[in-house]
Amino acid sequence: MTELVSAVPGFTTALLTALRAVPAGDWGAAVPTIDIGRKKELDRETVMLMRVRGDEKYHALTGRHKDQDFEQSLFVLVSNPLATSTEAMDRAYEIYGVIELALRADKAIGREHGVLWQEIKTPSGTPTVETQGRGYVVESAVRFRTRI
């Protein structure tokens, strides 16, 4: 029987690599920290790739994948003690815009891992009140489909 392999780890790594490869000048004021998973201490500007949710469908006779549909959660967090709520929101969406442009520019992210296509979902934002100043969180996800 064929060993079942998921494209999720490969796509997550390819997405992380693509975002880290964005030229420093494209990020605006500063390059945000880009990482996988939740951290205890966050920098002022952080992009986090979080949980992956999705479905894997298998061919009953061969046990091989037919399709995999996933969503890679993505969070942009801005926390600035000197910023107003509007400034924090503007900066969070500026960072999100760079991410969206990078994904639209490179349609082959994860192609070597069986990714057929990817798209970024419409974001939602939430203002936060930090112990020192204001912050803003933009939440979105990157949807992708694979066939292995």
C-alpha atoms as a PDB file:
ATOM      1  CA  MET A   1       0.000   0.000   0.000  1.00  0.00           C
ATOM      2  CA  THR A   2       1.192   3.530  -0.764  1.00  0.00           C
ATOM      3  CA  GLU A   3       2.326   5.616   2.204  1.00  0.00           C
ATOM      4  CA  LEU A   4       0.041   8.599   2.719  1.00  0.00           C
ATOM      5  CA  VAL A   5       1.873  11.910   2.714  1.00  0.00           C
ATOM      6  CA  SER A   6       0.416  15.290   3.548  1.00  0.00           C
ATOM      7  CA  ALA A   7       1.394  18.447   1.688  1.00  0.00           C
ATOM      8  CA  VAL A   8       0.682  20.630   4.739  1.00  0.00           C
ATOM      9  CA  PRO A   9       4.201  20.766   6.264  1.00  0.00           C
ATOM     10  CA  GLY A  10       5.753  21.456   2.868  1.00  0.00           C
ATOM     11  CA  PHE A  11       3.284  24.215   2.038  1.00  0.00           C
ATOM     12  CA  THR A  12       3.673  25.865   5.459  1.00  0.00           C
ATOM     13  CA  THR A  13       7.456  25.860   5.065  1.00  0.00           C
ATOM     14  CA  ALA A  14       7.221  27.176   1.482  1.00  0.00           C
ATOM     15  CA  LEU A  15       4.855  29.961   2.595  1.00  0.00           C
ATOM     16  CA  LEU A  16       7.162  30.930   5.461  1.00  0.00           C
ATOM     17  CA  THR A  17      10.143  30.989   3.084  1.00  0.00           C
ATOM     18  CA  ALA A  18       8.232  33.112   0.535  1.00  0.00           C
ATOM     19  CA  LEU A  19       7.216  35.690   3.164  1.00  0.00           C
ATOM     20  CA  ARG A  20      10.744  35.892   4.576  1.00  0.00           C
ATOM     21  CA  ALA A  21      12.061  36.445   1.032  1.00  0.00           C
ATOM     22  CA  VAL A  22      10.016  39.639   0.549  1.00  0.00           C
ATOM     23  CA  PRO A  23      12.513  42.518   0.141  1.00  0.00           C
ATOM     24  CA  ALA A  24      12.932  44.640   3.283  1.00  0.00           C
ATOM     25  CA  GLY A  25      11.874  47.805   1.429  1.00  0.00           C
ATOM     26  CA  ASP A  26       8.466  46.338   0.588  1.00  0.00           C
ATOM     27  CA  TRP A  27       7.461  46.089   4.270  1.00  0.00           C
ATOM     28  CA  GLY A  28       7.453  49.845   4.835  1.00  0.00           C
ATOM     29  CA  ALA A  29       8.638  51.164   8.193  1.00  0.00           C
ATOM     30  CA  ALA A  30      10.162  47.892   9.444  1.00  0.00           C
ATOM     31  CA  VAL A  31      10.320  44.195   8.605  1.00  0.00           C
ATOM     32  CA  PRO A  32       7.939  42.260  10.885  1.00  0.00           C
ATOM     33  CA  THR A  33       8.933  39.069  12.658  1.00  0.00           C
ATOM     34  CA  ILE A  34       7.564  36.115  10.660  1.00  0.00           C
ATOM     35  CA  ASP A  35       7.222  32.766  12.399  1.00  0.00           C
ATOM     36  CA  ILE A  36       5.175  29.599  12.842  1.00  0.00           C
ATOM     37  CA  GLY A  37       3.026  29.126  15.919  1.00  0.00           C
ATOM     38  CA  ARG A  38       2.236  31.046  19.044  1.00  0.00           C
ATOM     39  CA  LYS A  39       5.025  32.732  21.004  1.00  0.00           C
ATOM     40  CA  LYS A  40       5.080  33.862  24.630  1.00  0.00           C
ATOM     41  CA  GLU A  41       6.737  37.147  23.775  1.00  0.00           C
ATOM     42  CA  LEU A  42       5.792  38.980  20.605  1.00  0.00           C
ATOM     43  CA  ASP A  43       7.645  41.703  18.815  1.00  0.00           C
ATOM     44  CA  ARG A  44       5.879  44.973  17.993  1.00  0.00           C
ATOM     45  CA  GLU A  45       5.065  43.678  14.528  1.00  0.00           C
ATOM     46  CA  THR A  46       4.591  39.951  14.082  1.00  0.00           C
ATOM     47  CA  VAL A  47       3.216  37.710  11.346  1.00  0.00           C
ATOM     48  CA  MET A  48       2.266  34.262  12.642  1.00  0.00           C
ATOM     49  CA  LEU A  49       1.313  31.202  10.636  1.00  0.00           C
ATOM     50  CA  MET A  50      -0.959  29.261  12.953  1.00  0.00           C
ATOM     51  CA  ARG A  51      -3.132  26.155  12.777  1.00  0.00           C
ATOM     52  CA  VAL A  52      -4.041  24.375   9.584  1.00  0.00           C
ATOM     53  CA  ARG A  53      -7.559  23.056   9.097  1.00  0.00           C
ATOM     54  CA  GLY A  54      -8.875  21.027   6.241  1.00  0.00           C
ATOM     55  CA  ASP A  55     -10.049  17.824   4.651  1.00  0.00           C
ATOM     56  CA  GLU A  56      -8.174  14.977   3.070  1.00  0.00           C
ATOM     57  CA  LYS A  57     -10.063  12.666   0.734  1.00  0.00           C
ATOM     58  CA  TYR A  58      -8.653   9.304  -0.227  1.00  0.00           C
ATOM     59  CA  HIS A  59      -9.276   6.944  -3.102  1.00  0.00           C
ATOM     60  CA  ALA A  60     -10.884   3.863  -1.550  1.00  0.00           C
ATOM     61  CA  LEU A  61      -9.064   1.258  -3.663  1.00  0.00           C
ATOM     62  CA  THR A  62      -5.523   2.602  -3.799  1.00  0.00           C
ATOM     63  CA  GLY A  63      -5.433   4.468  -0.493  1.00  0.00           C
ATOM     64  CA  ARG A  64      -3.853   7.428  -2.283  1.00  0.00           C
ATOM     65  CA  HIS A  65      -4.943  11.012  -1.814  1.00  0.00           C
ATOM     66  CA  LYS A  66      -7.546  12.343  -4.167  1.00  0.00           C
ATOM     67  CA  ASP A  67      -7.710  15.913  -2.896  1.00  0.00           C
ATOM     68  CA  GLN A  68      -6.601  17.903   0.095  1.00  0.00           C
ATOM     69  CA  ASP A  69      -8.301  21.220   0.873  1.00  0.00           C
ATOM     70  CA  PHE A  70      -6.691  23.242   3.653  1.00  0.00           C
ATOM     71  CA  GLU A  71      -6.626  26.660   5.282  1.00  0.00           C
ATOM     72  CA  GLN A  72      -3.413  27.927   6.845  1.00  0.00           C
ATOM     73  CA  SER A  73      -4.380  30.539   9.471  1.00  0.00           C
ATOM     74  CA  LEU A  74      -2.427  33.764   9.331  1.00  0.00           C
ATOM     75  CA  PHE A  75      -2.305  36.550  11.917  1.00  0.00           C
ATOM     76  CA  VAL A  76      -0.724  40.002  11.709  1.00  0.00           C
ATOM     77  CA  LEU A  77      -0.217  41.569  15.141  1.00  0.00           C
ATOM     78  CA  VAL A  78       0.847  45.170  15.681  1.00  0.00           C
ATOM     79  CA  SER A  79       1.479  46.519  19.158  1.00  0.00           C
ATOM     80  CA  ASN A  80       2.910  50.000  19.485  1.00  0.00           C
ATOM     81  CA  PRO A  81       2.932  51.987  22.716  1.00  0.00           C
ATOM     82  CA  LEU A  82       3.300  55.237  20.771  1.00  0.00           C
ATOM     83  CA  ALA A  83       0.570  54.573  18.208  1.00  0.00           C
ATOM     84  CA  THR A  84      -3.079  55.510  18.178  1.00  0.00           C
ATOM     85  CA  SER A  85      -5.677  52.867  17.324  1.00  0.00           C
ATOM     86  CA  THR A  86      -5.858  54.166  13.758  1.00  0.00           C
ATOM     87  CA  GLU A  87      -2.076  54.089  13.303  1.00  0.00           C
ATOM     88  CA  ALA A  88      -1.884  50.516  14.615  1.00  0.00           C
ATOM     89  CA  MET A  89      -4.718  49.466  12.278  1.00  0.00           C
ATOM     90  CA  ASP A  90      -3.117  51.169   9.265  1.00  0.00           C
ATOM     91  CA  ARG A  91       0.204  49.447   9.926  1.00  0.00           C
ATOM     92  CA  ALA A  92      -1.422  46.016  10.411  1.00  0.00           C
ATOM     93  CA  TYR A  93      -3.249  46.303   7.080  1.00  0.00           C
ATOM     94  CA  GLU A  94      -0.088  47.614   5.403  1.00  0.00           C
ATOM     95  CA  ILE A  95       1.718  44.428   6.477  1.00  0.00           C
ATOM     96  CA  TYR A  96      -1.248  42.316   5.372  1.00  0.00           C
ATOM     97  CA  GLY A  97      -1.157  44.033   1.965  1.00  0.00           C
ATOM     98  CA  VAL A  98       2.488  43.050   1.487  1.00  0.00           C
ATOM     99  CA  ILE A  99       1.607  39.431   2.317  1.00  0.00           C
ATOM    100  CA  GLU A 100      -1.298  39.460  -0.136  1.00  0.00           C
ATOM    101  CA  LEU A 101       0.885  40.887  -2.921  1.00  0.00           C
ATOM    102  CA  ALA A 102       3.583  38.274  -2.269  1.00  0.00           C
ATOM    103  CA  LEU A 103       1.030  35.455  -2.529  1.00  0.00           C
ATOM    104  CA  ARG A 104      -0.524  36.831  -5.701  1.00  0.00           C
ATOM    105  CA  ALA A 105       2.900  37.343  -7.286  1.00  0.00           C
ATOM    106  CA  ASP A 106       4.075  33.767  -6.669  1.00  0.00           C
ATOM    107  CA  LYS A 107       1.455  31.256  -7.778  1.00  0.00           C
ATOM    108  CA  ALA A 108       3.948  28.384  -7.425  1.00  0.00           C
ATOM    109  CA  ILE A 109       4.303  28.445  -3.625  1.00  0.00           C
ATOM    110  CA  GLY A 110       4.381  24.825  -2.549  1.00  0.00           C
ATOM    111  CA  ARG A 111       4.098  23.481  -6.098  1.00  0.00           C
ATOM    112  CA  GLU A 112       6.891  20.962  -5.381  1.00  0.00           C
ATOM    113  CA  HIS A 113       4.714  19.623  -2.538  1.00  0.00           C
ATOM    114  CA  GLY A 114       1.697  19.015  -4.769  1.00  0.00           C
ATOM    115  CA  VAL A 115      -0.081  22.357  -4.276  1.00  0.00           C
ATOM    116  CA  LEU A 116      -2.383  23.041  -7.205  1.00  0.00           C
ATOM    117  CA  TRP A 117      -3.471  26.553  -6.215  1.00  0.00           C
ATOM    118  CA  GLN A 118      -3.640  28.930  -3.284  1.00  0.00           C
ATOM    119  CA  GLU A 119      -5.603  32.065  -2.476  1.00  0.00           C
ATOM    120  CA  ILE A 120      -5.731  34.428   0.463  1.00  0.00           C
ATOM    121  CA  LYS A 121      -9.049  34.970   2.212  1.00  0.00           C
ATOM    122  CA  THR A 122     -10.586  38.345   3.005  1.00  0.00           C
ATOM    123  CA  PRO A 123      -9.124  39.597   6.294  1.00  0.00           C
ATOM    124  CA  SER A 124     -10.889  40.643   9.462  1.00  0.00           C
ATOM    125  CA  GLY A 125      -9.433  43.031  12.019  1.00  0.00           C
ATOM    126  CA  THR A 126      -9.736  43.603  15.747  1.00  0.00           C
ATOM    127  CA  PRO A 127      -8.344  46.507  17.777  1.00  0.00           C
ATOM    128  CA  THR A 128      -6.585  45.583  21.018  1.00  0.00           C
ATOM    129  CA  VAL A 129      -5.718  47.544  24.112  1.00  0.00           C
ATOM    130  CA  GLU A 130      -2.234  46.711  25.275  1.00  0.00           C
ATOM    131  CA  THR A 131      -0.788  47.387  28.708  1.00  0.00           C
ATOM    132  CA  GLN A 132       1.183  50.129  27.004  1.00  0.00           C
ATOM    133  CA  GLY A 133      -0.610  51.704  24.079  1.00  0.00           C
ATOM    134  CA  ARG A 134      -2.771  50.356  21.282  1.00  0.00           C
ATOM    135  CA  GLY A 135      -2.589  47.388  18.988  1.00  0.00           C
ATOM    136  CA  TYR A 136      -4.398  45.741  16.126  1.00  0.00           C
ATOM    137  CA  VAL A 137      -4.772  42.150  14.904  1.00  0.00           C
ATOM    138  CA  VAL A 138      -5.579  41.171  11.323  1.00  0.00           C
ATOM    139  CA  GLU A 139      -6.730  37.581  10.882  1.00  0.00           C
ATOM    140  CA  SER A 140      -6.910  35.769   7.569  1.00  0.00           C
ATOM    141  CA  ALA A 141      -6.075  32.412   6.036  1.00  0.00           C
ATOM    142  CA  VAL A 142      -4.418  31.046   2.950  1.00  0.00           C
ATOM    143  CA  ARG A 143      -6.563  28.404   1.288  1.00  0.00           C
ATOM    144  CA  PHE A 144      -4.796  25.784  -0.786  1.00  0.00           C
ATOM    145  CA  ARG A 145      -5.633  22.563  -2.603  1.00  0.00           C
ATOM    146  CA  THR A 146      -3.286  19.708  -3.260  1.00  0.00           C
ATOM    147  CA  ARG A 147      -3.344  16.406  -5.024  1.00  0.00           C
ATOM    148  CA  ILE A 148      -0.664  13.862  -4.316  1.00  0.00           C
END
